[in-house]
Amino acid sequence: QVQLVESGGGLVQAGGSLRLSCAASGRAFNSYTVGWFRQAPGKEREFVTAIRWTGNTLYGDSVKGRFTISRDNAKNTVYLQMNSLKPEDTAVYYCAAGQVTVWPARNRNEYDYWGQGTQLTVSS
């Protein structure tokens, strides 16, 4: 059983940086795969990045080289560092977790638990 809460969203100018946090409850969290997804107005939810309990990471093509996912198991927290932000990054960002047994894990149905989302707006 895992409960997730995202934070850190806000308004930032293009080219700027921001870090999102995903705080989790549950003793099994550190063994779960954790992912970030985003959804812009009028669009489907899009895979952003994921990290396995082993530390293996995966990135979507649109954010590769700009975003970095990491986890601090002692704090039960996963982070998303976002650099060189673009207006196209504007979306609600969701943290997800699950007992994912396959890799790579890019699909929403591979995750069992979801946070409420946090809004990122990137202005021109």
C-alpha atoms as a PDB file:
ATOM      1  CA  GLN A   1       0.000   0.000   0.000  1.00  0.00           C
ATOM      2  CA  VAL A   2       1.455   3.335  -1.132  1.00  0.00           C
ATOM      3  CA  GLN A   3       0.165   6.905  -0.892  1.00  0.00           C
ATOM      4  CA  LEU A   4       1.842   9.582  -3.037  1.00  0.00           C
ATOM      5  CA  VAL A   5       1.849  13.391  -2.736  1.00  0.00           C
ATOM      6  CA  GLU A   6       3.481  15.640  -5.357  1.00  0.00           C
ATOM      7  CA  SER A   7       4.745  19.158  -4.660  1.00  0.00           C
ATOM      8  CA  GLY A   8       7.014  21.830  -6.132  1.00  0.00           C
ATOM      9  CA  GLY A   9       5.025  22.987  -9.140  1.00  0.00           C
ATOM     10  CA  GLY A  10       4.597  26.621 -10.078  1.00  0.00           C
ATOM     11  CA  LEU A  11       5.240  29.299 -12.693  1.00  0.00           C
ATOM     12  CA  VAL A  12       8.674  29.608 -14.311  1.00  0.00           C
ATOM     13  CA  GLN A  13      10.054  31.409 -17.367  1.00  0.00           C
ATOM     14  CA  ALA A  14      11.382  29.510 -20.368  1.00  0.00           C
ATOM     15  CA  GLY A  15      14.966  28.383 -19.799  1.00  0.00           C
ATOM     16  CA  GLY A  16      14.517  28.186 -16.047  1.00  0.00           C
ATOM     17  CA  SER A  17      14.658  25.239 -13.655  1.00  0.00           C
ATOM     18  CA  LEU A  18      12.374  23.653 -11.083  1.00  0.00           C
ATOM     19  CA  ARG A  19      12.393  20.525  -8.906  1.00  0.00           C
ATOM     20  CA  LEU A  20       9.309  18.450  -8.181  1.00  0.00           C
ATOM     21  CA  SER A  21       9.021  16.108  -5.204  1.00  0.00           C
ATOM     22  CA  CYS A  22       6.978  12.944  -4.707  1.00  0.00           C
ATOM     23  CA  ALA A  23       6.640  11.994  -1.043  1.00  0.00           C
ATOM     24  CA  ALA A  24       5.437   8.467  -0.318  1.00  0.00           C
ATOM     25  CA  SER A  25       4.104   6.421   2.567  1.00  0.00           C
ATOM     26  CA  GLY A  26       4.385   2.651   2.848  1.00  0.00           C
ATOM     27  CA  ARG A  27       7.217   0.348   3.844  1.00  0.00           C
ATOM     28  CA  ALA A  28       7.308  -1.301   0.417  1.00  0.00           C
ATOM     29  CA  PHE A  29       7.880   1.987  -1.442  1.00  0.00           C
ATOM     30  CA  ASN A  30      11.639   1.549  -1.736  1.00  0.00           C
ATOM     31  CA  SER A  31      11.132  -1.676  -3.698  1.00  0.00           C
ATOM     32  CA  TYR A  32       8.699  -0.073  -6.174  1.00  0.00           C
ATOM     33  CA  THR A  33       9.311   1.383  -9.598  1.00  0.00           C
ATOM     34  CA  VAL A  34       8.390   5.098  -9.588  1.00  0.00           C
ATOM     35  CA  GLY A  35       7.466   7.142 -12.638  1.00  0.00           C
ATOM     36  CA  TRP A  36       6.472  10.669 -13.619  1.00  0.00           C
ATOM     37  CA  PHE A  37       3.740  11.375 -16.145  1.00  0.00           C
ATOM     38  CA  ARG A  38       2.312  14.682 -17.364  1.00  0.00           C
ATOM     39  CA  GLN A  39      -0.924  15.825 -18.960  1.00  0.00           C
ATOM     40  CA  ALA A  40      -1.410  19.092 -20.844  1.00  0.00           C
ATOM     41  CA  PRO A  41      -4.872  20.562 -21.568  1.00  0.00           C
ATOM     42  CA  GLY A  42      -6.610  18.638 -24.329  1.00  0.00           C
ATOM     43  CA  LYS A  43      -3.892  15.971 -24.520  1.00  0.00           C
ATOM     44  CA  GLU A  44      -3.413  12.435 -23.223  1.00  0.00           C
ATOM     45  CA  ARG A  45      -1.242  11.640 -20.238  1.00  0.00           C
ATOM     46  CA  GLU A  46       2.388  11.330 -21.380  1.00  0.00           C
ATOM     47  CA  PHE A  47       5.272   9.315 -19.944  1.00  0.00           C
ATOM     48  CA  VAL A  48       8.117  11.512 -18.681  1.00  0.00           C
ATOM     49  CA  THR A  49      10.574   9.333 -16.740  1.00  0.00           C
ATOM     50  CA  ALA A  50      10.871   6.327 -14.404  1.00  0.00           C
ATOM     51  CA  ILE A  51      13.314   4.853 -11.896  1.00  0.00           C
ATOM     52  CA  ARG A  52      13.575   1.267 -10.611  1.00  0.00           C
ATOM     53  CA  TRP A  53      14.514   0.271  -7.075  1.00  0.00           C
ATOM     54  CA  THR A  54      17.874  -0.766  -8.523  1.00  0.00           C
ATOM     55  CA  GLY A  55      18.488   2.803  -9.712  1.00  0.00           C
ATOM     56  CA  ASN A  56      17.963   2.163 -13.418  1.00  0.00           C
ATOM     57  CA  THR A  57      16.365   5.181 -15.123  1.00  0.00           C
ATOM     58  CA  LEU A  58      14.338   5.790 -18.279  1.00  0.00           C
ATOM     59  CA  TYR A  59      13.411   9.064 -20.040  1.00  0.00           C
ATOM     60  CA  GLY A  60      10.970  10.118 -22.701  1.00  0.00           C
ATOM     61  CA  ASP A  61      12.524  11.605 -25.824  1.00  0.00           C
ATOM     62  CA  SER A  62      11.019  15.046 -25.220  1.00  0.00           C
ATOM     63  CA  VAL A  63      12.792  15.491 -21.859  1.00  0.00           C
ATOM     64  CA  LYS A  64      16.003  13.498 -22.330  1.00  0.00           C
ATOM     65  CA  GLY A  65      19.034  15.616 -21.467  1.00  0.00           C
ATOM     66  CA  ARG A  66      16.937  18.213 -19.616  1.00  0.00           C
ATOM     67  CA  PHE A  67      15.174  16.278 -16.822  1.00  0.00           C
ATOM     68  CA  THR A  68      16.694  14.017 -14.155  1.00  0.00           C
ATOM     69  CA  ILE A  69      14.869  11.577 -11.869  1.00  0.00           C
ATOM     70  CA  SER A  70      16.350  10.486  -8.539  1.00  0.00           C
ATOM     71  CA  ARG A  71      15.219   8.901  -5.277  1.00  0.00           C
ATOM     72  CA  ASP A  72      16.153   9.224  -1.624  1.00  0.00           C
ATOM     73  CA  ASN A  73      15.046   5.974   0.000  1.00  0.00           C
ATOM     74  CA  ALA A  74      15.813   7.240   3.512  1.00  0.00           C
ATOM     75  CA  LYS A  75      13.215   9.994   2.982  1.00  0.00           C
ATOM     76  CA  ASN A  76      10.755   7.907   0.931  1.00  0.00           C
ATOM     77  CA  THR A  77      10.928  10.617  -1.723  1.00  0.00           C
ATOM     78  CA  VAL A  78      11.465  10.741  -5.487  1.00  0.00           C
ATOM     79  CA  TYR A  79      12.554  13.942  -7.239  1.00  0.00           C
ATOM     80  CA  LEU A  80      12.238  15.308 -10.749  1.00  0.00           C
ATOM     81  CA  GLN A  81      14.831  17.970 -11.567  1.00  0.00           C
ATOM     82  CA  MET A  82      13.718  19.964 -14.614  1.00  0.00           C
ATOM     83  CA  ASN A  83      16.191  22.213 -16.446  1.00  0.00           C
ATOM     84  CA  SER A  84      16.007  24.276 -19.644  1.00  0.00           C
ATOM     85  CA  LEU A  85      12.233  24.390 -19.362  1.00  0.00           C
ATOM     86  CA  LYS A  86      10.125  25.088 -22.435  1.00  0.00           C
ATOM     87  CA  PRO A  87       6.526  26.295 -22.791  1.00  0.00           C
ATOM     88  CA  GLU A  88       5.743  22.818 -24.183  1.00  0.00           C
ATOM     89  CA  ASP A  89       6.532  21.386 -20.723  1.00  0.00           C
ATOM     90  CA  THR A  90       3.448  23.094 -19.277  1.00  0.00           C
ATOM     91  CA  ALA A  91       1.232  20.373 -17.781  1.00  0.00           C
ATOM     92  CA  VAL A  92      -0.020  18.742 -14.616  1.00  0.00           C
ATOM     93  CA  TYR A  93       2.713  16.371 -13.426  1.00  0.00           C
ATOM     94  CA  TYR A  94       1.757  13.099 -11.720  1.00  0.00           C
ATOM     95  CA  CYS A  95       3.869  10.734  -9.651  1.00  0.00           C
ATOM     96  CA  ALA A  96       3.121   7.010  -9.974  1.00  0.00           C
ATOM     97  CA  ALA A  97       4.404   3.844  -8.295  1.00  0.00           C
ATOM     98  CA  GLY A  98       3.966   0.110  -8.605  1.00  0.00           C
ATOM     99  CA  GLN A  99       5.465  -3.355  -8.325  1.00  0.00           C
ATOM    100  CA  VAL A 100       6.639  -3.222 -11.927  1.00  0.00           C
ATOM    101  CA  THR A 101       8.287  -6.450 -13.055  1.00  0.00           C
ATOM    102  CA  VAL A 102       9.087  -5.438 -16.642  1.00  0.00           C
ATOM    103  CA  TRP A 103      11.534  -2.852 -17.946  1.00  0.00           C
ATOM    104  CA  PRO A 104      11.261  -0.381 -19.561  1.00  0.00           C
ATOM    105  CA  ALA A 105       8.002   0.740 -17.938  1.00  0.00           C
ATOM    106  CA  ARG A 106       6.378   3.478 -20.057  1.00  0.00           C
ATOM    107  CA  ASN A 107       2.680   2.614 -19.788  1.00  0.00           C
ATOM    108  CA  ARG A 108       0.159   3.938 -17.273  1.00  0.00           C
ATOM    109  CA  ASN A 109      -1.304   0.486 -16.620  1.00  0.00           C
ATOM    110  CA  GLU A 110       2.035  -0.721 -15.250  1.00  0.00           C
ATOM    111  CA  TYR A 111       1.622   1.533 -12.190  1.00  0.00           C
ATOM    112  CA  ASP A 112      -0.770   0.887  -9.296  1.00  0.00           C
ATOM    113  CA  TYR A 113      -0.670   4.112  -7.252  1.00  0.00           C
ATOM    114  CA  TRP A 114      -1.006   7.759  -8.318  1.00  0.00           C
ATOM    115  CA  GLY A 115      -0.640  11.163  -6.700  1.00  0.00           C
ATOM    116  CA  GLN A 116      -3.035  14.092  -7.125  1.00  0.00           C
ATOM    117  CA  GLY A 117      -0.753  16.020  -9.495  1.00  0.00           C
ATOM    118  CA  THR A 118       1.063  19.362  -9.369  1.00  0.00           C
ATOM    119  CA  GLN A 119       0.803  22.132 -11.982  1.00  0.00           C
ATOM    120  CA  LEU A 120       3.822  23.413 -13.917  1.00  0.00           C
ATOM    121  CA  THR A 121       3.409  26.479 -16.134  1.00  0.00           C
ATOM    122  CA  VAL A 122       6.308  27.666 -18.312  1.00  0.00           C
ATOM    123  CA  SER A 123       5.917  31.146 -19.790  1.00  0.00           C
ATOM    124  CA  SER A 124       7.578  32.584 -22.899  1.00  0.00           C
END
